[in-house]
Structure formats: C-alpha cells, structure tokens
Protein backbone atom coordinates (compact mmCIF):
# COMPACT_ATOMS: atom_id res chain seq x y z
CA MET A 1 0.00 0.00 0.00
CA GLY A 2 2.89 2.33 0.77
CA GLY A 3 4.37 1.56 -2.64
CA LEU A 4 1.09 2.48 -4.30
CA VAL A 5 1.06 5.84 -2.55
CA GLU A 6 4.67 6.45 -3.58
CA ASP A 7 3.68 5.74 -7.20
CA GLN A 8 0.75 8.09 -6.88
CA LEU A 9 2.96 10.86 -5.50
CA VAL A 10 5.27 10.58 -8.51
CA GLY A 11 2.26 10.57 -10.83
CA ALA A 12 0.71 13.64 -9.18
CA ILE A 13 3.92 15.66 -9.59
CA ASP A 14 4.23 14.47 -13.20
CA CYS A 15 0.66 15.60 -13.77
CA CYS A 16 1.57 19.10 -12.61
CA ASN A 17 4.39 19.18 -15.14
CA ASP A 18 2.26 17.73 -17.92
CA PRO A 19 -1.48 17.62 -17.18
CA ASN A 20 -3.07 14.92 -19.31
CA THR A 21 -6.13 12.74 -19.01
CA GLU A 22 -4.27 9.46 -19.49
CA LEU A 23 -2.02 10.12 -16.51
CA PHE A 24 -4.95 11.31 -14.41
CA SER A 25 -6.89 8.14 -15.24
CA ARG A 26 -3.93 6.09 -14.04
CA ILE A 27 -3.82 8.07 -10.80
CA GLU A 28 -7.54 7.44 -10.28
CA SER A 29 -6.97 3.73 -10.87
CA VAL A 30 -4.17 3.68 -8.27
CA GLU A 31 -6.48 5.52 -5.86
CA ASP A 32 -9.08 2.78 -6.27
CA GLU A 33 -6.40 0.17 -5.52
CA ILE A 34 -5.30 2.09 -2.43
CA ASN A 35 -8.88 2.15 -1.18
CA ARG A 36 -9.24 -1.59 -1.75
CA SER A 37 -5.99 -2.18 0.14
CA GLU A 38 -7.30 -0.12 3.05
CA LEU A 39 -10.43 -2.25 3.31
CA LEU A 40 -8.45 -5.48 3.07
CA LEU A 41 -5.94 -4.43 5.72
CA ASP A 42 -8.70 -3.20 8.03
CA GLU A 43 -10.30 -6.63 7.80
CA LYS A 44 -6.99 -8.33 8.60
CA VAL A 45 -6.39 -6.07 11.60
CA GLU A 46 -9.88 -6.74 12.93
CA SER A 47 -9.43 -10.48 12.42
CA LEU A 48 -6.08 -10.48 14.22
CA ILE A 49 -7.47 -8.63 17.21
CA VAL A 50 -10.54 -10.87 17.51
CA ARG A 51 -8.89 -14.22 16.85
CA ARG A 52 -5.39 -13.78 18.26
CA GLN A 53 -6.01 -11.22 21.02
CA PRO A 54 -2.43 -9.84 20.78
CA ILE A 55 -0.78 -8.25 23.80
CA ALA A 56 2.21 -5.96 24.45
CA SER A 57 4.43 -5.41 21.41
CA ASP A 58 2.22 -7.52 19.15
CA LEU A 59 -0.77 -5.35 19.98
CA ARG A 60 1.29 -2.20 19.34
CA LEU A 61 2.22 -3.56 15.91
CA VAL A 62 -1.41 -4.24 15.00
CA LEU A 63 -2.50 -0.80 16.22
CA ALA A 64 0.39 0.91 14.39
CA VAL A 65 -0.52 -0.86 11.16
CA SER A 66 -4.13 0.19 11.55
CA LYS A 67 -3.15 3.84 11.95
CA ILE A 68 -0.59 3.76 9.13
CA VAL A 69 -3.20 2.34 6.77
CA ARG A 70 -5.48 5.28 7.54
CA ASP A 71 -2.72 7.80 6.89
CA LEU A 72 -1.74 6.15 3.62
CA GLU A 73 -5.34 6.25 2.40
CA ARG A 74 -5.57 9.94 3.24
CA MET A 75 -2.34 10.58 1.36
CA GLY A 76 -3.92 8.95 -1.66
CA ASP A 77 -6.90 11.30 -1.39
CA GLU A 78 -4.62 14.35 -1.21
CA LEU A 79 -2.58 13.22 -4.21
CA GLU A 80 -5.65 12.59 -6.33
CA LYS A 81 -6.63 16.16 -5.46
CA VAL A 82 -3.22 17.41 -6.60
CA ALA A 83 -3.61 15.68 -9.96
CA ALA A 84 -7.14 17.02 -10.47
CA LEU A 85 -6.12 20.59 -9.64
CA SER A 86 -3.14 20.41 -11.99
CA PHE A 87 -5.49 20.82 -14.96
CA GLU A 88 -6.86 24.04 -13.48
CA SER A 89 -3.44 25.34 -12.48
CA PHE A 90 -1.04 24.25 -15.20
CA GLY A 91 -3.23 23.01 -18.03
CA LYS A 92 -3.50 26.42 -19.72
CA GLY A 93 0.19 27.01 -20.23
CA ASP A 94 0.77 28.84 -16.93
CA ASN A 95 3.69 27.62 -14.86
CA PHE A 96 3.79 30.09 -11.98
CA GLY A 97 4.06 28.20 -8.73
CA LEU A 98 5.38 25.08 -10.45
CA PRO A 99 8.92 25.39 -8.99
CA GLU A 100 7.39 25.59 -5.51
CA VAL A 101 5.21 22.54 -6.20
CA GLU A 102 8.20 20.56 -7.46
CA ARG A 103 10.38 21.57 -4.51
CA ILE A 104 7.80 20.60 -1.90
CA GLY A 105 6.94 17.47 -3.87
CA GLU A 106 10.55 16.29 -3.81
CA GLN A 107 10.81 16.95 -0.07
CA VAL A 108 7.60 15.07 0.64
CA LYS A 109 8.65 12.21 -1.62
CA LYS A 110 11.78 11.74 0.50
CA MET A 111 9.75 11.95 3.72
CA LEU A 112 7.32 9.27 2.55
CA SER A 113 10.08 6.93 1.39
CA GLU A 114 12.05 7.28 4.62
CA SER A 115 9.01 6.91 6.87
CA LEU A 116 8.08 3.65 5.13
CA THR A 117 11.67 2.44 5.36
CA ALA A 118 11.78 3.35 9.05
CA PHE A 119 8.64 1.27 9.59
CA ALA A 120 10.00 -1.69 7.63
CA ARG A 121 13.27 -1.61 9.61
CA LEU A 122 11.77 -0.40 12.91
CA ASP A 123 14.46 2.29 12.75
CA VAL A 124 13.83 4.91 15.44
CA GLU A 125 16.69 7.17 14.39
CA MET A 126 15.44 7.32 10.81
CA ALA A 127 11.93 8.04 12.11
CA GLN A 128 13.29 10.94 14.15
CA GLN A 129 14.83 12.49 11.04
CA ILE A 130 11.34 12.76 9.55
CA PHE A 131 10.44 15.36 12.18
CA LYS A 132 13.27 17.59 10.94
CA ARG A 133 12.17 17.09 7.33
CA ASP A 134 8.61 18.02 8.30
CA ARG A 135 9.82 21.35 9.66
CA GLU A 136 11.68 21.97 6.40
CA VAL A 137 8.53 21.23 4.41
CA ASP A 138 6.56 23.63 6.62
CA LYS A 139 9.11 26.37 5.87
CA ALA A 140 8.97 25.64 2.14
CA TYR A 141 5.17 25.75 2.31
CA GLN A 142 5.16 29.15 4.00
CA SER A 143 7.68 30.44 1.47
CA ALA A 144 5.48 29.17 -1.37
CA LEU A 145 2.44 30.95 0.07
CA ARG A 146 4.36 34.26 0.17
CA SER A 147 5.53 33.79 -3.41
CA LEU A 148 2.05 32.91 -4.65
CA ALA A 149 0.52 35.87 -2.80
CA THR A 150 2.89 38.11 -4.77
CA PHE A 151 1.51 36.69 -8.03
CA MET A 152 -2.04 37.54 -6.97
CA ILE A 153 -1.08 41.09 -6.02
CA GLU A 154 0.76 41.69 -9.29
CA ASP A 155 -2.01 40.26 -11.49
CA PRO A 156 -5.46 39.95 -9.87
CA ARG A 157 -6.70 38.16 -13.02
CA LYS A 158 -4.62 35.17 -11.92
CA ILE A 159 -6.22 34.88 -8.48
CA GLY A 160 -8.28 31.82 -9.37
CA SER A 161 -5.35 29.93 -10.86
CA VAL A 162 -3.06 30.89 -8.00
CA LEU A 163 -5.58 29.69 -5.43
CA ASN A 164 -5.55 26.29 -7.15
CA VAL A 165 -1.76 26.17 -6.82
CA ILE A 166 -2.10 27.06 -3.15
CA TRP A 167 -4.45 24.09 -2.70
CA ILE A 168 -1.89 21.88 -4.45
CA VAL A 169 0.99 22.87 -2.16
CA ARG A 170 -1.35 22.55 0.82
CA ALA A 171 -2.24 19.00 -0.22
CA LEU A 172 1.44 18.11 -0.59
CA GLU A 173 2.17 19.60 2.83
CA ARG A 174 -0.60 17.42 4.26
CA VAL A 175 1.03 14.35 2.69
CA GLY A 176 4.18 15.33 4.59
CA ASP A 177 2.15 15.53 7.80
CA HIS A 178 0.84 12.01 7.23
CA ALA A 179 4.39 10.76 6.62
CA THR A 180 5.33 12.33 9.95
CA ASN A 181 2.48 10.42 11.57
CA ILE A 182 4.01 7.17 10.29
CA ALA A 183 7.32 8.13 11.88
CA GLU A 184 5.51 8.71 15.17
CA TYR A 185 3.91 5.27 14.96
CA VAL A 186 7.36 3.71 14.43
CA ILE A 187 8.57 5.24 17.69
CA TYR A 188 5.39 4.13 19.43
CA LEU A 189 5.86 0.62 18.09
CA VAL A 190 9.51 0.32 19.13
CA LYS A 191 9.52 2.29 22.39
CA GLY A 192 5.88 2.15 23.45
CA VAL A 193 5.85 5.95 23.74
CA ASP A 194 3.22 8.20 22.17
CA VAL A 195 5.13 11.15 20.65
CA ARG A 196 2.36 12.84 18.75
CA HIS A 197 2.83 16.06 20.74
CA PRO A 198 6.12 17.93 20.06
CA GLY A 199 7.02 18.47 23.73
CA ILE A 200 6.72 14.76 24.50
CA ARG A 201 8.46 13.92 21.23
CA ASP A 202 11.52 16.02 22.13
CA ALA A 203 11.72 14.66 25.67
CA GLU A 204 11.25 11.00 24.86
CA THR A 205 12.92 10.46 21.50
CA ASN A 206 16.01 12.69 21.38
CA PRO A 207 18.86 10.21 20.75
CA LEU A 208 21.34 12.50 22.49
CA ARG A 209 19.54 12.19 25.84
C-alpha cells in the first residue's frame, strides 16, 4: 500500500508538469487500488485482534498498522486532489508556482520513502529524522504561500489559478504531515511511547539524551 502511494505521488507531480487525461486516469486507478488495500488491511487487523487477542508489542504492531493504513489512504486522497487541480493550475500554459510545487513534492517524496523504510526496519533514528524534514517542508510551504501571494497582487486576473496552486501545495504539505504520523507510529511501536505532541516527542525520542 505504501508503494502504491509512492507511485501516486510521482504521478501527481508528473501531472503538474504535464497535465493529461491518461495520466490522471492512471492516478484514479491507483487511488481505487489504495482504497481496496485499506479495506483489506482493516479486515486483517480486525481479524487479528478478535482471533489472536495480541498483547504488548504484538498489539502495538497491529495498532500501528491500523493507523498507518489510515494515513496512507488519506495521502492517496490528497494526491488525487493534486492531480485534479493540476489541470486548473497548469493546463493552460501557466507555470507560476510550479517550482514551488516541485520543490515541496521532492521533499515530501523523501519523507514518505524514509518513513516507510523506518517502519520496515523499525528504525527509530530514521523516524526521528522525519520530524526535521517536516519542519523543512513547513518552511517551504510558508515560502510558497508568500511567493504565490505576490503573483495575486501583481495580477489579480490570476487569483483563481493561484488559489488552485495554493491548494496543491497545501495537499502536498498534508502528505508530509501524514508521513510524519508514520514516523511517530514507528517510535510508538519500538519504544511504546506516544510522541504525537512535540514536547513529549523532544523529551522522549532525542537520541542524544
């Protein structure tokens, strides 16, 4: 399921560079597959809990998987939105905001890949690095908003198109947030500590302490 979302992320960014119906249809097809995977994994999680009644670390694994599945499905929704908006934003020959979209897209792509790797390896240190990357994405997002606001001020006729780009970078930023959630679940799974709140995260997971 994680691999499907990674494919969809690449496809969504490609769609921004070259909006076309064939690529969008493929993204929609991947979204359907992601949704089917969510349902299948939810059934497996429910079956494991009812039939095996896992405890301790086994229960944490099942709960972590359940939460990761939800985040992956939401990423798929956001990326389908990116692809759909690309026609409104970049399908008419305009490319303002595209460098910002590509920059954030590349950052988020790395976050997603590393969060999935951290889960596969149960690598707490790698998971911790995702928090730093999330802050970098947040900075890039704020910078993109300032740049796009300048476009609207300079040419009010472009307001509608610029707003669509803003929704695109917002969706990509949300994908980064979901990747961060996966990193948090890795730490929960390995250490049994809930680090969803930054203060707790810093106190409990800093490798230098």
